[in-house]
């Protein structure tokens, strides 16, 4: 059975958009000073700016995705960087397809 936290996390258009952007961070975000977009992840501030929401609103979306296991975080200096957890996303898709 698919994880209910992941299902709830994916039931929001903004969170789906974030996951889509993070699939190809180089194409969707400008270069950042600290951390590599692909290797380390994307700064939450860049995600908030692209989403057009406040940083606390973006942080809440990112927290939900992280708690659902769909994103991984990494701290570099004062920044929190977010990256898709491809293995977890693949496992979720597989579990979801088995239920259909």
C-alpha atoms as a PDB file:
ATOM      1  CA  UNK A   1       0.000   0.000   0.000  1.00  0.00           C
ATOM      2  CA  UNK A   2       1.360   3.459  -0.880  1.00  0.00           C
ATOM      3  CA  UNK A   3       2.413   5.705   1.991  1.00  0.00           C
ATOM      4  CA  UNK A   4      -0.444   7.985   3.063  1.00  0.00           C
ATOM      5  CA  UNK A   5       1.970  10.834   3.887  1.00  0.00           C
ATOM      6  CA  UNK A   6       3.221  10.755   0.302  1.00  0.00           C
ATOM      7  CA  UNK A   7      -0.327  10.683  -1.073  1.00  0.00           C
ATOM      8  CA  UNK A   8      -1.267  13.691   1.050  1.00  0.00           C
ATOM      9  CA  UNK A   9       1.912  15.500   0.040  1.00  0.00           C
ATOM     10  CA  UNK A  10       1.139  14.956  -3.635  1.00  0.00           C
ATOM     11  CA  UNK A  11      -2.435  16.188  -3.286  1.00  0.00           C
ATOM     12  CA  UNK A  12      -1.281  19.796  -3.712  1.00  0.00           C
ATOM     13  CA  UNK A  13      -0.501  21.451  -7.049  1.00  0.00           C
ATOM     14  CA  UNK A  14       2.350  23.548  -5.649  1.00  0.00           C
ATOM     15  CA  UNK A  15       4.098  20.505  -4.205  1.00  0.00           C
ATOM     16  CA  UNK A  16       3.717  18.654  -7.503  1.00  0.00           C
ATOM     17  CA  UNK A  17       5.204  21.683  -9.250  1.00  0.00           C
ATOM     18  CA  UNK A  18       8.169  21.724  -6.868  1.00  0.00           C
ATOM     19  CA  UNK A  19       8.849  18.039  -7.555  1.00  0.00           C
ATOM     20  CA  UNK A  20       8.645  18.655 -11.299  1.00  0.00           C
ATOM     21  CA  UNK A  21      11.096  21.574 -11.106  1.00  0.00           C
ATOM     22  CA  UNK A  22      13.523  19.556  -9.004  1.00  0.00           C
ATOM     23  CA  UNK A  23      13.560  16.795 -11.634  1.00  0.00           C
ATOM     24  CA  UNK A  24      15.736  19.154 -13.722  1.00  0.00           C
ATOM     25  CA  UNK A  25      17.101  21.829 -11.371  1.00  0.00           C
ATOM     26  CA  UNK A  26      19.599  23.277 -13.861  1.00  0.00           C
ATOM     27  CA  UNK A  27      16.818  24.067 -16.338  1.00  0.00           C
ATOM     28  CA  UNK A  28      14.490  25.490 -13.680  1.00  0.00           C
ATOM     29  CA  UNK A  29      16.710  27.472 -11.299  1.00  0.00           C
ATOM     30  CA  UNK A  30      19.556  29.971 -11.624  1.00  0.00           C
ATOM     31  CA  UNK A  31      23.016  29.007 -10.372  1.00  0.00           C
ATOM     32  CA  UNK A  32      23.442  29.386  -6.623  1.00  0.00           C
ATOM     33  CA  UNK A  33      26.512  30.547  -4.710  1.00  0.00           C
ATOM     34  CA  UNK A  34      26.661  27.662  -2.242  1.00  0.00           C
ATOM     35  CA  UNK A  35      26.075  24.098  -3.336  1.00  0.00           C
ATOM     36  CA  UNK A  36      25.651  22.467  -6.702  1.00  0.00           C
ATOM     37  CA  UNK A  37      22.055  22.424  -7.989  1.00  0.00           C
ATOM     38  CA  UNK A  38      22.271  18.789  -9.093  1.00  0.00           C
ATOM     39  CA  UNK A  39      24.598  17.256  -6.521  1.00  0.00           C
ATOM     40  CA  UNK A  40      23.492  19.160  -3.406  1.00  0.00           C
ATOM     41  CA  UNK A  41      19.990  20.401  -4.220  1.00  0.00           C
ATOM     42  CA  UNK A  42      18.193  23.717  -4.630  1.00  0.00           C
ATOM     43  CA  UNK A  43      18.029  26.403  -1.953  1.00  0.00           C
ATOM     44  CA  UNK A  44      14.586  26.809  -0.405  1.00  0.00           C
ATOM     45  CA  UNK A  45      14.767  30.546  -1.064  1.00  0.00           C
ATOM     46  CA  UNK A  46      15.073  29.973  -4.833  1.00  0.00           C
ATOM     47  CA  UNK A  47      12.098  27.613  -4.691  1.00  0.00           C
ATOM     48  CA  UNK A  48      10.028  30.220  -2.795  1.00  0.00           C
ATOM     49  CA  UNK A  49      10.918  32.920  -5.325  1.00  0.00           C
ATOM     50  CA  UNK A  50      10.027  30.723  -8.306  1.00  0.00           C
ATOM     51  CA  UNK A  51       6.760  29.650  -6.661  1.00  0.00           C
ATOM     52  CA  UNK A  52       5.910  33.292  -5.963  1.00  0.00           C
ATOM     53  CA  UNK A  53       5.199  32.649  -2.287  1.00  0.00           C
ATOM     54  CA  UNK A  54       6.760  33.733   0.980  1.00  0.00           C
ATOM     55  CA  UNK A  55       9.690  31.773   2.353  1.00  0.00           C
ATOM     56  CA  UNK A  56       7.621  30.378   5.284  1.00  0.00           C
ATOM     57  CA  UNK A  57       4.930  29.145   2.861  1.00  0.00           C
ATOM     58  CA  UNK A  58       7.521  27.430   0.673  1.00  0.00           C
ATOM     59  CA  UNK A  59       9.168  25.972   3.781  1.00  0.00           C
ATOM     60  CA  UNK A  60       5.881  24.379   4.807  1.00  0.00           C
ATOM     61  CA  UNK A  61       5.471  22.755   1.377  1.00  0.00           C
ATOM     62  CA  UNK A  62       9.080  21.558   1.452  1.00  0.00           C
ATOM     63  CA  UNK A  63       8.677  20.223   4.986  1.00  0.00           C
ATOM     64  CA  UNK A  64       5.637  18.177   3.952  1.00  0.00           C
ATOM     65  CA  UNK A  65       7.483  16.732   0.952  1.00  0.00           C
ATOM     66  CA  UNK A  66      10.508  15.948   3.129  1.00  0.00           C
ATOM     67  CA  UNK A  67       8.428  14.290   5.864  1.00  0.00           C
ATOM     68  CA  UNK A  68       6.735  12.195   3.179  1.00  0.00           C
ATOM     69  CA  UNK A  69      10.189  10.984   2.122  1.00  0.00           C
ATOM     70  CA  UNK A  70      10.023  12.503  -1.355  1.00  0.00           C
ATOM     71  CA  UNK A  71      12.788  15.069  -0.786  1.00  0.00           C
ATOM     72  CA  UNK A  72      16.154  14.972   0.939  1.00  0.00           C
ATOM     73  CA  UNK A  73      17.731  17.983   2.582  1.00  0.00           C
ATOM     74  CA  UNK A  74      21.279  19.151   2.969  1.00  0.00           C
ATOM     75  CA  UNK A  75      22.556  22.104   4.980  1.00  0.00           C
ATOM     76  CA  UNK A  76      25.325  24.246   3.554  1.00  0.00           C
ATOM     77  CA  UNK A  77      26.187  27.279   5.655  1.00  0.00           C
ATOM     78  CA  UNK A  78      22.863  28.896   6.551  1.00  0.00           C
ATOM     79  CA  UNK A  79      21.011  27.395   3.554  1.00  0.00           C
ATOM     80  CA  UNK A  80      18.823  24.319   3.371  1.00  0.00           C
ATOM     81  CA  UNK A  81      19.009  22.663  -0.021  1.00  0.00           C
ATOM     82  CA  UNK A  82      16.336  20.306  -1.358  1.00  0.00           C
ATOM     83  CA  UNK A  83      16.756  17.408  -3.747  1.00  0.00           C
ATOM     84  CA  UNK A  84      14.349  14.731  -4.966  1.00  0.00           C
ATOM     85  CA  UNK A  85      14.780  11.292  -3.408  1.00  0.00           C
ATOM     86  CA  UNK A  86      14.522   9.350  -6.652  1.00  0.00           C
ATOM     87  CA  UNK A  87      14.611   5.925  -4.954  1.00  0.00           C
ATOM     88  CA  UNK A  88      11.723   6.853  -2.640  1.00  0.00           C
ATOM     89  CA  UNK A  89       9.722   8.343  -5.522  1.00  0.00           C
ATOM     90  CA  UNK A  90      10.243   5.186  -7.606  1.00  0.00           C
ATOM     91  CA  UNK A  91       9.181   2.988  -4.669  1.00  0.00           C
ATOM     92  CA  UNK A  92       6.060   5.114  -4.161  1.00  0.00           C
ATOM     93  CA  UNK A  93       5.162   4.875  -7.860  1.00  0.00           C
ATOM     94  CA  UNK A  94       5.650   1.120  -7.801  1.00  0.00           C
ATOM     95  CA  UNK A  95       3.499   0.690  -4.671  1.00  0.00           C
ATOM     96  CA  UNK A  96       0.814   2.947  -6.129  1.00  0.00           C
ATOM     97  CA  UNK A  97       0.720   1.021  -9.417  1.00  0.00           C
ATOM     98  CA  UNK A  98       0.356  -2.288  -7.563  1.00  0.00           C
ATOM     99  CA  UNK A  99      -2.779  -0.929  -5.888  1.00  0.00           C
ATOM    100  CA  UNK A 100      -4.410   0.026  -9.204  1.00  0.00           C
END
